[in-house]
Amino acid sequence: MFSITSAIYATMYAISTSLLYPVILALILLVIYSLMELGAFVVESAKRLRNFESLRKVAELEDLKGIENFIVTRLLRQYLQDLKKLNPRKEDVEKLLEEYELKVAKELEIPRILARIGPMLGLMGTLIPLGPAMIALSQGNIHELATNLITAFATTVLGLIVGGIGYTVFTVRKRWYLEDLSDMEYVAKIWRYRNEKKAD
């Protein structure tokens, strides 16, 4: 029984310690990617302009020609360009709106994953070196102990950086895109009303 228990513990220890370098590598890549995502977020924030007066004028256009002359957000501009290509039936307009709801959910996936996975990997990177650190402490190996503790603290910080950036980007972009979806619904309602009036 003792040998079986020892074998199980040894296997668990070997598996957990073998994950340390993949976790560190994944954290470094996530930090780089999250910084790129933060840069894209800052650029989008600087370019983002939302003007209800422009939105109202765009919605009143018959064929959406000249929408590039109005102040609208990136996502709303894409929606209007796709709407212009459609046969303006109620079902088509509603389907396009649903497609953009899915597109918004897809664009929010990356920052949401960063917010969740970053702290998880940071915690793994914190806990994995603690086993070797305890062994080094029991053997009086201060250098090995210090190295493992530095690794544990560094991975914690990296995980929190990734999680913090991901959560911030996700929260703000979610509000932005909800505003965009609200504007899309406004345009879709006006289009439906105008087409129903023409049909009558």
N, C-alpha and C. Protein backbone atom coordinates (compact mmCIF):
# COMPACT_ATOMS: atom_id res chain seq x y z
N MET A 1 0.83 -1.21 0.00
CA MET A 1 0.00 0.00 0.00
C MET A 1 0.87 1.26 0.00
N PHE A 2 1.92 1.21 0.79
CA PHE A 2 2.81 2.37 0.90
C PHE A 2 3.48 2.66 -0.43
N SER A 3 3.89 1.61 -1.14
CA SER A 3 4.57 1.81 -2.41
C SER A 3 3.61 2.38 -3.46
N ILE A 4 2.34 1.92 -3.42
CA ILE A 4 1.35 2.42 -4.37
C ILE A 4 1.09 3.90 -4.11
N THR A 5 0.94 4.27 -2.82
CA THR A 5 0.71 5.67 -2.46
C THR A 5 1.89 6.54 -2.87
N SER A 6 3.08 6.04 -2.62
CA SER A 6 4.28 6.79 -3.01
C SER A 6 4.37 6.97 -4.52
N ALA A 7 3.99 5.93 -5.26
CA ALA A 7 4.01 6.00 -6.72
C ALA A 7 3.00 7.04 -7.22
N ILE A 8 1.82 7.07 -6.58
CA ILE A 8 0.79 8.05 -6.97
C ILE A 8 1.28 9.46 -6.70
N TYR A 9 1.85 9.68 -5.50
CA TYR A 9 2.37 11.01 -5.16
C TYR A 9 3.49 11.43 -6.10
N ALA A 10 4.37 10.48 -6.42
CA ALA A 10 5.50 10.78 -7.31
C ALA A 10 5.00 11.13 -8.72
N THR A 11 3.97 10.42 -9.16
CA THR A 11 3.39 10.70 -10.49
C THR A 11 2.74 12.07 -10.52
N MET A 12 1.97 12.39 -9.46
CA MET A 12 1.33 13.70 -9.38
C MET A 12 2.38 14.81 -9.35
N TYR A 13 3.43 14.60 -8.60
CA TYR A 13 4.50 15.61 -8.49
C TYR A 13 5.19 15.80 -9.83
N ALA A 14 5.46 14.69 -10.52
CA ALA A 14 6.14 14.77 -11.81
C ALA A 14 5.29 15.49 -12.85
N ILE A 15 3.97 15.19 -12.85
CA ILE A 15 3.07 15.84 -13.81
C ILE A 15 2.99 17.33 -13.54
N SER A 16 2.81 17.68 -12.26
CA SER A 16 2.64 19.10 -11.91
C SER A 16 3.92 19.91 -12.21
N THR A 17 5.07 19.37 -11.86
CA THR A 17 6.32 20.10 -12.11
C THR A 17 6.63 20.19 -13.60
N SER A 18 6.20 19.17 -14.38
CA SER A 18 6.44 19.22 -15.83
C SER A 18 5.60 20.30 -16.52
N LEU A 19 4.57 20.78 -15.84
CA LEU A 19 3.71 21.82 -16.42
C LEU A 19 4.26 23.23 -16.21
N LEU A 20 5.31 23.37 -15.40
CA LEU A 20 5.78 24.70 -15.05
C LEU A 20 6.23 25.50 -16.27
N TYR A 21 7.08 24.93 -17.10
CA TYR A 21 7.61 25.68 -18.25
C TYR A 21 6.54 25.97 -19.31
N PRO A 22 5.63 25.01 -19.61
CA PRO A 22 4.52 25.38 -20.50
C PRO A 22 3.66 26.51 -19.95
N VAL A 23 3.43 26.52 -18.64
CA VAL A 23 2.63 27.58 -18.02
C VAL A 23 3.35 28.93 -18.14
N ILE A 24 4.65 28.94 -17.86
CA ILE A 24 5.43 30.19 -17.97
C ILE A 24 5.42 30.70 -19.40
N LEU A 25 5.63 29.79 -20.37
CA LEU A 25 5.62 30.17 -21.77
C LEU A 25 4.26 30.73 -22.18
N ALA A 26 3.19 30.04 -21.74
CA ALA A 26 1.83 30.51 -22.06
C ALA A 26 1.57 31.88 -21.46
N LEU A 27 2.05 32.11 -20.24
CA LEU A 27 1.86 33.42 -19.60
C LEU A 27 2.60 34.53 -20.36
N ILE A 28 3.82 34.24 -20.78
CA ILE A 28 4.58 35.25 -21.54
C ILE A 28 3.87 35.59 -22.85
N LEU A 29 3.38 34.56 -23.55
CA LEU A 29 2.66 34.79 -24.79
C LEU A 29 1.37 35.57 -24.55
N LEU A 30 0.67 35.25 -23.46
CA LEU A 30 -0.56 35.95 -23.13
C LEU A 30 -0.31 37.41 -22.76
N VAL A 31 0.81 37.66 -22.08
CA VAL A 31 1.15 39.06 -21.76
C VAL A 31 1.39 39.85 -23.04
N ILE A 32 2.14 39.26 -23.98
CA ILE A 32 2.39 39.93 -25.26
C ILE A 32 1.08 40.17 -26.00
N TYR A 33 0.23 39.14 -26.04
CA TYR A 33 -1.04 39.26 -26.76
C TYR A 33 -1.96 40.28 -26.08
N SER A 34 -1.98 40.28 -24.75
CA SER A 34 -2.84 41.23 -24.03
C SER A 34 -2.37 42.67 -24.23
N LEU A 35 -1.06 42.87 -24.34
CA LEU A 35 -0.55 44.21 -24.64
C LEU A 35 -0.94 44.65 -26.04
N MET A 36 -0.92 43.72 -27.00
CA MET A 36 -1.41 44.02 -28.35
C MET A 36 -2.89 44.36 -28.32
N GLU A 37 -3.64 43.59 -27.55
CA GLU A 37 -5.09 43.84 -27.42
C GLU A 37 -5.34 45.19 -26.76
N LEU A 38 -4.51 45.54 -25.78
CA LEU A 38 -4.64 46.85 -25.13
C LEU A 38 -4.35 47.98 -26.12
N GLY A 39 -3.33 47.79 -26.97
CA GLY A 39 -3.02 48.79 -27.98
C GLY A 39 -4.17 48.99 -28.95
N ALA A 40 -4.78 47.87 -29.40
CA ALA A 40 -5.93 47.96 -30.30
C ALA A 40 -7.11 48.64 -29.61
N PHE A 41 -7.26 48.37 -28.32
CA PHE A 41 -8.33 48.99 -27.54
C PHE A 41 -8.14 50.51 -27.44
N VAL A 42 -6.91 50.94 -27.21
CA VAL A 42 -6.61 52.38 -27.12
C VAL A 42 -6.87 53.07 -28.45
N VAL A 43 -6.46 52.42 -29.55
CA VAL A 43 -6.69 52.98 -30.89
C VAL A 43 -8.19 53.09 -31.16
N GLU A 44 -8.93 52.03 -30.85
CA GLU A 44 -10.38 52.05 -31.05
C GLU A 44 -11.05 53.12 -30.20
N SER A 45 -10.55 53.28 -28.99
CA SER A 45 -11.10 54.30 -28.09
C SER A 45 -10.88 55.70 -28.64
N ALA A 46 -9.70 55.93 -29.23
CA ALA A 46 -9.40 57.25 -29.78
C ALA A 46 -10.24 57.55 -31.02
N LYS A 47 -10.56 56.51 -31.79
CA LYS A 47 -11.31 56.72 -33.02
C LYS A 47 -12.83 56.66 -32.81
N ARG A 48 -13.26 56.19 -31.66
CA ARG A 48 -14.69 55.96 -31.45
C ARG A 48 -15.42 57.27 -31.23
N LEU A 49 -16.35 57.55 -32.13
CA LEU A 49 -17.20 58.73 -32.02
C LEU A 49 -18.64 58.29 -32.19
N ARG A 50 -19.50 58.75 -31.32
CA ARG A 50 -20.92 58.36 -31.36
C ARG A 50 -21.75 59.62 -31.30
N ASN A 51 -22.58 59.82 -32.33
CA ASN A 51 -23.36 61.04 -32.44
C ASN A 51 -24.78 60.67 -32.85
N PHE A 52 -25.75 60.96 -31.98
CA PHE A 52 -27.12 60.55 -32.26
C PHE A 52 -27.70 61.31 -33.45
N GLU A 53 -27.32 62.56 -33.61
CA GLU A 53 -27.84 63.35 -34.72
C GLU A 53 -27.41 62.73 -36.06
N SER A 54 -26.14 62.31 -36.12
CA SER A 54 -25.66 61.62 -37.33
C SER A 54 -26.39 60.31 -37.54
N LEU A 55 -26.63 59.59 -36.44
CA LEU A 55 -27.34 58.31 -36.52
C LEU A 55 -28.75 58.52 -37.07
N ARG A 56 -29.44 59.54 -36.60
CA ARG A 56 -30.81 59.81 -37.04
C ARG A 56 -30.83 60.14 -38.54
N LYS A 57 -29.86 60.92 -38.99
CA LYS A 57 -29.80 61.28 -40.41
C LYS A 57 -29.47 60.06 -41.27
N VAL A 58 -28.58 59.21 -40.78
CA VAL A 58 -28.24 57.99 -41.53
C VAL A 58 -29.46 57.09 -41.66
N ALA A 59 -30.20 56.94 -40.56
CA ALA A 59 -31.37 56.07 -40.57
C ALA A 59 -32.45 56.56 -41.52
N GLU A 60 -32.48 57.84 -41.79
CA GLU A 60 -33.50 58.42 -42.67
C GLU A 60 -33.10 58.36 -44.14
N LEU A 61 -31.86 57.97 -44.43
CA LEU A 61 -31.43 57.86 -45.83
C LEU A 61 -32.17 56.72 -46.52
N GLU A 62 -32.58 56.94 -47.75
CA GLU A 62 -33.34 55.92 -48.48
C GLU A 62 -32.48 54.71 -48.83
N ASP A 63 -31.29 54.95 -49.36
CA ASP A 63 -30.45 53.85 -49.84
C ASP A 63 -29.09 53.79 -49.15
N LEU A 64 -28.94 54.56 -48.07
CA LEU A 64 -27.71 54.58 -47.27
C LEU A 64 -26.49 55.03 -48.07
N LYS A 65 -26.70 55.79 -49.13
CA LYS A 65 -25.56 56.33 -49.87
C LYS A 65 -24.97 57.50 -49.09
N GLY A 66 -23.64 57.57 -49.10
CA GLY A 66 -22.97 58.68 -48.43
C GLY A 66 -22.84 58.51 -46.93
N ILE A 67 -22.93 57.26 -46.45
CA ILE A 67 -22.82 57.07 -44.99
C ILE A 67 -21.43 57.39 -44.47
N GLU A 68 -20.43 57.37 -45.37
CA GLU A 68 -19.06 57.69 -44.93
C GLU A 68 -18.93 59.14 -44.49
N ASN A 69 -19.91 59.98 -44.83
CA ASN A 69 -19.86 61.39 -44.45
C ASN A 69 -20.42 61.65 -43.06
N PHE A 70 -20.95 60.59 -42.42
CA PHE A 70 -21.57 60.76 -41.12
C PHE A 70 -20.70 60.16 -40.02
N ILE A 71 -20.85 60.69 -38.81
CA ILE A 71 -20.07 60.21 -37.67
C ILE A 71 -20.77 58.98 -37.09
N VAL A 72 -20.22 57.81 -37.37
CA VAL A 72 -20.73 56.56 -36.81
C VAL A 72 -19.56 55.69 -36.38
N THR A 73 -19.82 54.74 -35.50
CA THR A 73 -18.76 53.88 -34.99
C THR A 73 -18.38 52.82 -36.03
N ARG A 74 -17.25 52.16 -35.80
CA ARG A 74 -16.74 51.15 -36.74
C ARG A 74 -17.75 50.04 -36.98
N LEU A 75 -18.30 49.49 -35.91
CA LEU A 75 -19.22 48.37 -36.03
C LEU A 75 -20.53 48.79 -36.70
N LEU A 76 -21.01 49.97 -36.37
CA LEU A 76 -22.24 50.47 -36.98
C LEU A 76 -22.03 50.76 -38.46
N ARG A 77 -20.85 51.25 -38.82
CA ARG A 77 -20.55 51.51 -40.24
C ARG A 77 -20.58 50.20 -41.03
N GLN A 78 -19.98 49.13 -40.45
CA GLN A 78 -20.00 47.83 -41.12
C GLN A 78 -21.44 47.32 -41.28
N TYR A 79 -22.22 47.52 -40.23
CA TYR A 79 -23.63 47.08 -40.27
C TYR A 79 -24.39 47.82 -41.36
N LEU A 80 -24.20 49.12 -41.46
CA LEU A 80 -24.90 49.92 -42.46
C LEU A 80 -24.48 49.54 -43.87
N GLN A 81 -23.19 49.23 -44.06
CA GLN A 81 -22.72 48.80 -45.38
C GLN A 81 -23.33 47.46 -45.77
N ASP A 82 -23.46 46.55 -44.80
CA ASP A 82 -24.10 45.26 -45.09
C ASP A 82 -25.60 45.44 -45.30
N LEU A 83 -26.20 46.34 -44.55
CA LEU A 83 -27.64 46.60 -44.69
C LEU A 83 -27.96 47.17 -46.07
N LYS A 84 -27.04 47.98 -46.60
CA LYS A 84 -27.23 48.60 -47.90
C LYS A 84 -27.29 47.54 -49.01
N LYS A 85 -26.62 46.41 -48.80
CA LYS A 85 -26.58 45.36 -49.82
C LYS A 85 -27.82 44.46 -49.78
N LEU A 86 -28.62 44.58 -48.73
CA LEU A 86 -29.74 43.67 -48.53
C LEU A 86 -30.97 44.10 -49.31
N ASN A 87 -31.79 43.09 -49.63
CA ASN A 87 -33.15 43.38 -50.04
C ASN A 87 -33.90 43.77 -48.77
N PRO A 88 -34.41 45.00 -48.68
CA PRO A 88 -34.89 45.50 -47.38
C PRO A 88 -36.21 44.87 -46.92
N ARG A 89 -36.18 43.57 -46.69
CA ARG A 89 -37.34 42.90 -46.11
C ARG A 89 -37.16 42.83 -44.60
N LYS A 90 -38.26 42.70 -43.89
CA LYS A 90 -38.22 42.66 -42.43
C LYS A 90 -37.35 41.49 -41.94
N GLU A 91 -37.52 40.32 -42.58
CA GLU A 91 -36.79 39.13 -42.14
C GLU A 91 -35.29 39.29 -42.36
N ASP A 92 -34.91 39.91 -43.48
CA ASP A 92 -33.48 40.09 -43.78
C ASP A 92 -32.84 41.06 -42.80
N VAL A 93 -33.55 42.14 -42.49
CA VAL A 93 -33.02 43.13 -41.56
C VAL A 93 -32.84 42.52 -40.17
N GLU A 94 -33.83 41.73 -39.74
CA GLU A 94 -33.74 41.09 -38.42
C GLU A 94 -32.62 40.05 -38.39
N LYS A 95 -32.47 39.31 -39.49
CA LYS A 95 -31.39 38.30 -39.56
C LYS A 95 -30.03 38.97 -39.49
N LEU A 96 -29.86 40.08 -40.20
CA LEU A 96 -28.58 40.79 -40.16
C LEU A 96 -28.28 41.30 -38.75
N LEU A 97 -29.31 41.77 -38.07
CA LEU A 97 -29.13 42.23 -36.69
C LEU A 97 -28.68 41.09 -35.78
N GLU A 98 -29.26 39.90 -35.96
CA GLU A 98 -28.86 38.73 -35.19
C GLU A 98 -27.41 38.34 -35.49
N GLU A 99 -27.02 38.44 -36.76
CA GLU A 99 -25.65 38.14 -37.14
C GLU A 99 -24.66 39.07 -36.45
N TYR A 100 -25.03 40.34 -36.31
CA TYR A 100 -24.14 41.29 -35.65
C TYR A 100 -24.12 41.08 -34.14
N GLU A 101 -25.19 40.57 -33.57
CA GLU A 101 -25.16 40.20 -32.16
C GLU A 101 -24.16 39.07 -31.93
N LEU A 102 -24.13 38.10 -32.85
CA LEU A 102 -23.14 37.02 -32.77
C LEU A 102 -21.73 37.55 -33.00
N LYS A 103 -21.59 38.51 -33.91
CA LYS A 103 -20.28 39.10 -34.19
C LYS A 103 -19.75 39.83 -32.96
N VAL A 104 -20.63 40.54 -32.26
CA VAL A 104 -20.24 41.23 -31.02
C VAL A 104 -19.79 40.23 -29.97
N ALA A 105 -20.55 39.14 -29.82
CA ALA A 105 -20.17 38.11 -28.85
C ALA A 105 -18.81 37.52 -29.19
N LYS A 106 -18.54 37.33 -30.50
CA LYS A 106 -17.25 36.78 -30.93
C LYS A 106 -16.11 37.74 -30.63
N GLU A 107 -16.33 39.05 -30.86
CA GLU A 107 -15.28 40.03 -30.60
C GLU A 107 -14.99 40.18 -29.12
N LEU A 108 -15.95 39.84 -28.27
CA LEU A 108 -15.74 39.93 -26.83
C LEU A 108 -15.13 38.67 -26.24
N GLU A 109 -15.03 37.61 -27.05
CA GLU A 109 -14.50 36.34 -26.54
C GLU A 109 -13.05 36.45 -26.09
N ILE A 110 -12.21 37.13 -26.89
CA ILE A 110 -10.77 37.19 -26.60
C ILE A 110 -10.51 37.88 -25.25
N PRO A 111 -11.00 39.12 -25.03
CA PRO A 111 -10.74 39.72 -23.72
C PRO A 111 -11.36 38.95 -22.56
N ARG A 112 -12.50 38.29 -22.80
CA ARG A 112 -13.11 37.48 -21.74
C ARG A 112 -12.22 36.29 -21.39
N ILE A 113 -11.66 35.65 -22.41
CA ILE A 113 -10.75 34.52 -22.18
C ILE A 113 -9.50 34.99 -21.43
N LEU A 114 -8.96 36.15 -21.84
CA LEU A 114 -7.78 36.69 -21.15
C LEU A 114 -8.09 36.95 -19.68
N ALA A 115 -9.26 37.50 -19.41
CA ALA A 115 -9.64 37.82 -18.03
C ALA A 115 -9.77 36.57 -17.17
N ARG A 116 -10.20 35.47 -17.79
CA ARG A 116 -10.39 34.22 -17.03
C ARG A 116 -9.11 33.39 -16.95
N ILE A 117 -8.44 33.25 -18.10
CA ILE A 117 -7.33 32.29 -18.17
C ILE A 117 -6.05 32.86 -17.57
N GLY A 118 -5.86 34.19 -17.63
CA GLY A 118 -4.64 34.80 -17.08
C GLY A 118 -4.43 34.50 -15.60
N PRO A 119 -5.41 34.83 -14.74
CA PRO A 119 -5.25 34.52 -13.31
C PRO A 119 -5.14 33.02 -13.04
N MET A 120 -5.82 32.18 -13.86
CA MET A 120 -5.73 30.73 -13.66
C MET A 120 -4.30 30.24 -13.90
N LEU A 121 -3.71 30.70 -15.01
CA LEU A 121 -2.33 30.31 -15.28
C LEU A 121 -1.37 30.91 -14.26
N GLY A 122 -1.67 32.14 -13.82
CA GLY A 122 -0.85 32.76 -12.77
C GLY A 122 -0.87 31.96 -11.48
N LEU A 123 -2.06 31.45 -11.14
CA LEU A 123 -2.17 30.62 -9.93
C LEU A 123 -1.41 29.31 -10.08
N MET A 124 -1.52 28.71 -11.28
CA MET A 124 -0.76 27.48 -11.53
C MET A 124 0.73 27.74 -11.42
N GLY A 125 1.17 28.85 -12.01
CA GLY A 125 2.60 29.19 -11.94
C GLY A 125 3.05 29.53 -10.54
N THR A 126 2.11 29.90 -9.67
CA THR A 126 2.46 30.17 -8.27
C THR A 126 2.57 28.88 -7.47
N LEU A 127 1.63 27.98 -7.70
CA LEU A 127 1.57 26.76 -6.88
C LEU A 127 2.61 25.71 -7.29
N ILE A 128 2.87 25.60 -8.60
CA ILE A 128 3.78 24.53 -9.05
C ILE A 128 5.18 24.65 -8.44
N PRO A 129 5.81 25.84 -8.39
CA PRO A 129 7.16 25.92 -7.82
C PRO A 129 7.21 25.76 -6.30
N LEU A 130 6.04 25.81 -5.64
CA LEU A 130 6.06 25.71 -4.18
C LEU A 130 6.49 24.33 -3.69
N GLY A 131 6.18 23.29 -4.49
CA GLY A 131 6.61 21.94 -4.12
C GLY A 131 8.14 21.84 -4.08
N PRO A 132 8.83 22.16 -5.19
CA PRO A 132 10.29 22.17 -5.14
C PRO A 132 10.86 23.14 -4.11
N ALA A 133 10.16 24.24 -3.87
CA ALA A 133 10.64 25.21 -2.87
C ALA A 133 10.61 24.60 -1.47
N MET A 134 9.56 23.84 -1.16
CA MET A 134 9.47 23.19 0.15
C MET A 134 10.55 22.11 0.30
N ILE A 135 10.80 21.40 -0.79
CA ILE A 135 11.87 20.39 -0.74
C ILE A 135 13.22 21.06 -0.53
N ALA A 136 13.46 22.16 -1.23
CA ALA A 136 14.72 22.89 -1.07
C ALA A 136 14.86 23.43 0.34
N LEU A 137 13.75 23.88 0.93
CA LEU A 137 13.79 24.39 2.30
C LEU A 137 14.15 23.29 3.28
N SER A 138 13.57 22.10 3.08
CA SER A 138 13.87 20.98 3.97
C SER A 138 15.32 20.52 3.86
N GLN A 139 15.92 20.76 2.68
CA GLN A 139 17.32 20.36 2.48
C GLN A 139 18.30 21.50 2.78
N GLY A 140 17.76 22.66 3.14
CA GLY A 140 18.62 23.80 3.46
C GLY A 140 19.22 24.47 2.24
N ASN A 141 18.63 24.22 1.07
CA ASN A 141 19.13 24.81 -0.17
C ASN A 141 18.44 26.16 -0.39
N ILE A 142 19.04 27.22 0.12
CA ILE A 142 18.43 28.54 0.09
C ILE A 142 18.35 29.08 -1.33
N HIS A 143 19.37 28.80 -2.15
CA HIS A 143 19.38 29.29 -3.53
C HIS A 143 18.21 28.70 -4.33
N GLU A 144 17.99 27.40 -4.20
CA GLU A 144 16.89 26.74 -4.89
C GLU A 144 15.55 27.26 -4.39
N LEU A 145 15.45 27.49 -3.08
CA LEU A 145 14.23 28.03 -2.49
C LEU A 145 13.92 29.41 -3.06
N ALA A 146 14.95 30.26 -3.09
CA ALA A 146 14.75 31.63 -3.59
C ALA A 146 14.35 31.63 -5.06
N THR A 147 14.97 30.77 -5.86
CA THR A 147 14.66 30.70 -7.30
C THR A 147 13.21 30.31 -7.52
N ASN A 148 12.74 29.32 -6.79
CA ASN A 148 11.36 28.87 -6.95
C ASN A 148 10.35 29.91 -6.47
N LEU A 149 10.69 30.61 -5.39
CA LEU A 149 9.79 31.65 -4.90
C LEU A 149 9.71 32.83 -5.86
N ILE A 150 10.85 33.19 -6.46
CA ILE A 150 10.86 34.26 -7.46
C ILE A 150 9.98 33.87 -8.65
N THR A 151 10.08 32.62 -9.09
CA THR A 151 9.24 32.13 -10.18
C THR A 151 7.77 32.20 -9.81
N ALA A 152 7.45 31.78 -8.58
CA ALA A 152 6.06 31.79 -8.12
C ALA A 152 5.49 33.21 -8.11
N PHE A 153 6.24 34.16 -7.56
CA PHE A 153 5.75 35.54 -7.48
C PHE A 153 5.66 36.18 -8.87
N ALA A 154 6.63 35.89 -9.74
CA ALA A 154 6.62 36.49 -11.09
C ALA A 154 5.42 36.01 -11.90
N THR A 155 5.11 34.72 -11.83
CA THR A 155 3.97 34.19 -12.58
C THR A 155 2.65 34.76 -12.04
N THR A 156 2.59 34.99 -10.74
CA THR A 156 1.40 35.62 -10.15
C THR A 156 1.17 37.00 -10.75
N VAL A 157 2.25 37.78 -10.82
CA VAL A 157 2.15 39.14 -11.36
C VAL A 157 1.74 39.11 -12.83
N LEU A 158 2.36 38.21 -13.61
CA LEU A 158 2.03 38.12 -15.04
C LEU A 158 0.57 37.73 -15.23
N GLY A 159 0.11 36.78 -14.44
CA GLY A 159 -1.29 36.36 -14.53
C GLY A 159 -2.26 37.49 -14.20
N LEU A 160 -1.92 38.28 -13.19
CA LEU A 160 -2.78 39.41 -12.81
C LEU A 160 -2.76 40.51 -13.88
N ILE A 161 -1.61 40.71 -14.51
CA ILE A 161 -1.54 41.69 -15.61
C ILE A 161 -2.46 41.28 -16.75
N VAL A 162 -2.36 40.02 -17.15
CA VAL A 162 -3.20 39.52 -18.24
C VAL A 162 -4.68 39.63 -17.87
N GLY A 163 -5.01 39.19 -16.65
CA GLY A 163 -6.40 39.23 -16.20
C GLY A 163 -6.93 40.65 -16.10
N GLY A 164 -6.11 41.57 -15.60
CA GLY A 164 -6.53 42.96 -15.45
C GLY A 164 -6.80 43.61 -16.80
N ILE A 165 -5.89 43.40 -17.75
CA ILE A 165 -6.08 43.97 -19.09
C ILE A 165 -7.32 43.36 -19.75
N GLY A 166 -7.45 42.04 -19.66
CA GLY A 166 -8.59 41.37 -20.27
C GLY A 166 -9.92 41.84 -19.69
N TYR A 167 -9.98 41.99 -18.37
CA TYR A 167 -11.22 42.41 -17.73
C TYR A 167 -11.59 43.85 -18.10
N THR A 168 -10.59 44.73 -18.12
CA THR A 168 -10.83 46.13 -18.48
C THR A 168 -11.33 46.26 -19.90
N VAL A 169 -10.63 45.60 -20.84
CA VAL A 169 -11.01 45.66 -22.25
C VAL A 169 -12.40 45.07 -22.45
N PHE A 170 -12.66 43.93 -21.81
CA PHE A 170 -13.96 43.27 -21.94
C PHE A 170 -15.10 44.15 -21.43
N THR A 171 -14.91 44.75 -20.25
CA THR A 171 -15.96 45.56 -19.65
C THR A 171 -16.30 46.78 -20.49
N VAL A 172 -15.27 47.49 -20.93
CA VAL A 172 -15.52 48.72 -21.71
C VAL A 172 -16.07 48.39 -23.09
N ARG A 173 -15.48 47.39 -23.75
CA ARG A 173 -15.97 47.03 -25.09
C ARG A 173 -17.40 46.51 -25.04
N LYS A 174 -17.74 45.81 -23.99
CA LYS A 174 -19.12 45.31 -23.86
C LYS A 174 -20.10 46.48 -23.86
N ARG A 175 -19.76 47.54 -23.11
CA ARG A 175 -20.63 48.73 -23.09
C ARG A 175 -20.68 49.39 -24.47
N TRP A 176 -19.51 49.51 -25.11
CA TRP A 176 -19.47 50.09 -26.46
C TRP A 176 -20.38 49.33 -27.42
N TYR A 177 -20.24 48.01 -27.42
CA TYR A 177 -20.95 47.21 -28.41
C TYR A 177 -22.44 47.12 -28.10
N LEU A 178 -22.81 47.23 -26.83
CA LEU A 178 -24.24 47.31 -26.50
C LEU A 178 -24.83 48.61 -27.04
N GLU A 179 -24.05 49.70 -26.97
CA GLU A 179 -24.48 50.96 -27.58
C GLU A 179 -24.64 50.81 -29.08
N ASP A 180 -23.68 50.12 -29.72
CA ASP A 180 -23.74 49.91 -31.16
C ASP A 180 -24.96 49.07 -31.54
N LEU A 181 -25.24 48.02 -30.77
CA LEU A 181 -26.40 47.18 -31.05
C LEU A 181 -27.70 47.97 -30.88
N SER A 182 -27.72 48.86 -29.89
CA SER A 182 -28.88 49.73 -29.70
C SER A 182 -29.08 50.63 -30.91
N ASP A 183 -27.98 51.18 -31.45
CA ASP A 183 -28.07 52.02 -32.64
C ASP A 183 -28.52 51.22 -33.86
N MET A 184 -28.04 49.97 -33.97
CA MET A 184 -28.45 49.11 -35.08
C MET A 184 -29.94 48.82 -35.01
N GLU A 185 -30.44 48.54 -33.82
CA GLU A 185 -31.87 48.28 -33.64
C GLU A 185 -32.69 49.52 -34.00
N TYR A 186 -32.17 50.70 -33.68
CA TYR A 186 -32.85 51.95 -34.01
C TYR A 186 -32.97 52.09 -35.54
N VAL A 187 -31.86 51.84 -36.24
CA VAL A 187 -31.89 51.91 -37.70
C VAL A 187 -32.83 50.86 -38.27
N ALA A 188 -32.77 49.64 -37.73
CA ALA A 188 -33.62 48.55 -38.22
C ALA A 188 -35.10 48.87 -38.03
N LYS A 189 -35.47 49.49 -36.91
CA LYS A 189 -36.87 49.85 -36.66
C LYS A 189 -37.36 50.88 -37.67
N ILE A 190 -36.51 51.87 -37.95
CA ILE A 190 -36.89 52.89 -38.92
C ILE A 190 -37.04 52.27 -40.31
N TRP A 191 -36.15 51.37 -40.67
CA TRP A 191 -36.24 50.71 -41.97
C TRP A 191 -37.51 49.86 -42.07
N ARG A 192 -37.80 49.11 -40.99
CA ARG A 192 -39.02 48.28 -41.00
C ARG A 192 -40.27 49.15 -41.12
N TYR A 193 -40.29 50.23 -40.36
CA TYR A 193 -41.44 51.13 -40.38
C TYR A 193 -41.62 51.74 -41.77
N ARG A 194 -40.53 52.16 -42.40
CA ARG A 194 -40.60 52.79 -43.72
C ARG A 194 -41.06 51.80 -44.77
N ASN A 195 -40.56 50.57 -44.69
CA ASN A 195 -40.95 49.56 -45.69
C ASN A 195 -42.40 49.11 -45.51
N GLU A 196 -42.84 49.02 -44.25
CA GLU A 196 -44.24 48.66 -43.99
C GLU A 196 -45.16 49.77 -44.49
N LYS A 197 -44.72 51.02 -44.34
CA LYS A 197 -45.52 52.15 -44.81
C LYS A 197 -45.61 52.15 -46.33
N LYS A 198 -44.49 51.80 -46.99
CA LYS A 198 -44.50 51.72 -48.46
C LYS A 198 -45.44 50.61 -48.94
N ALA A 199 -45.41 49.49 -48.17
CA ALA A 199 -46.26 48.35 -48.57
C ALA A 199 -47.73 48.69 -48.46
N ASP A 200 -48.07 49.54 -47.47
CA ASP A 200 -49.47 49.94 -47.30
C ASP A 200 -49.88 50.91 -48.43
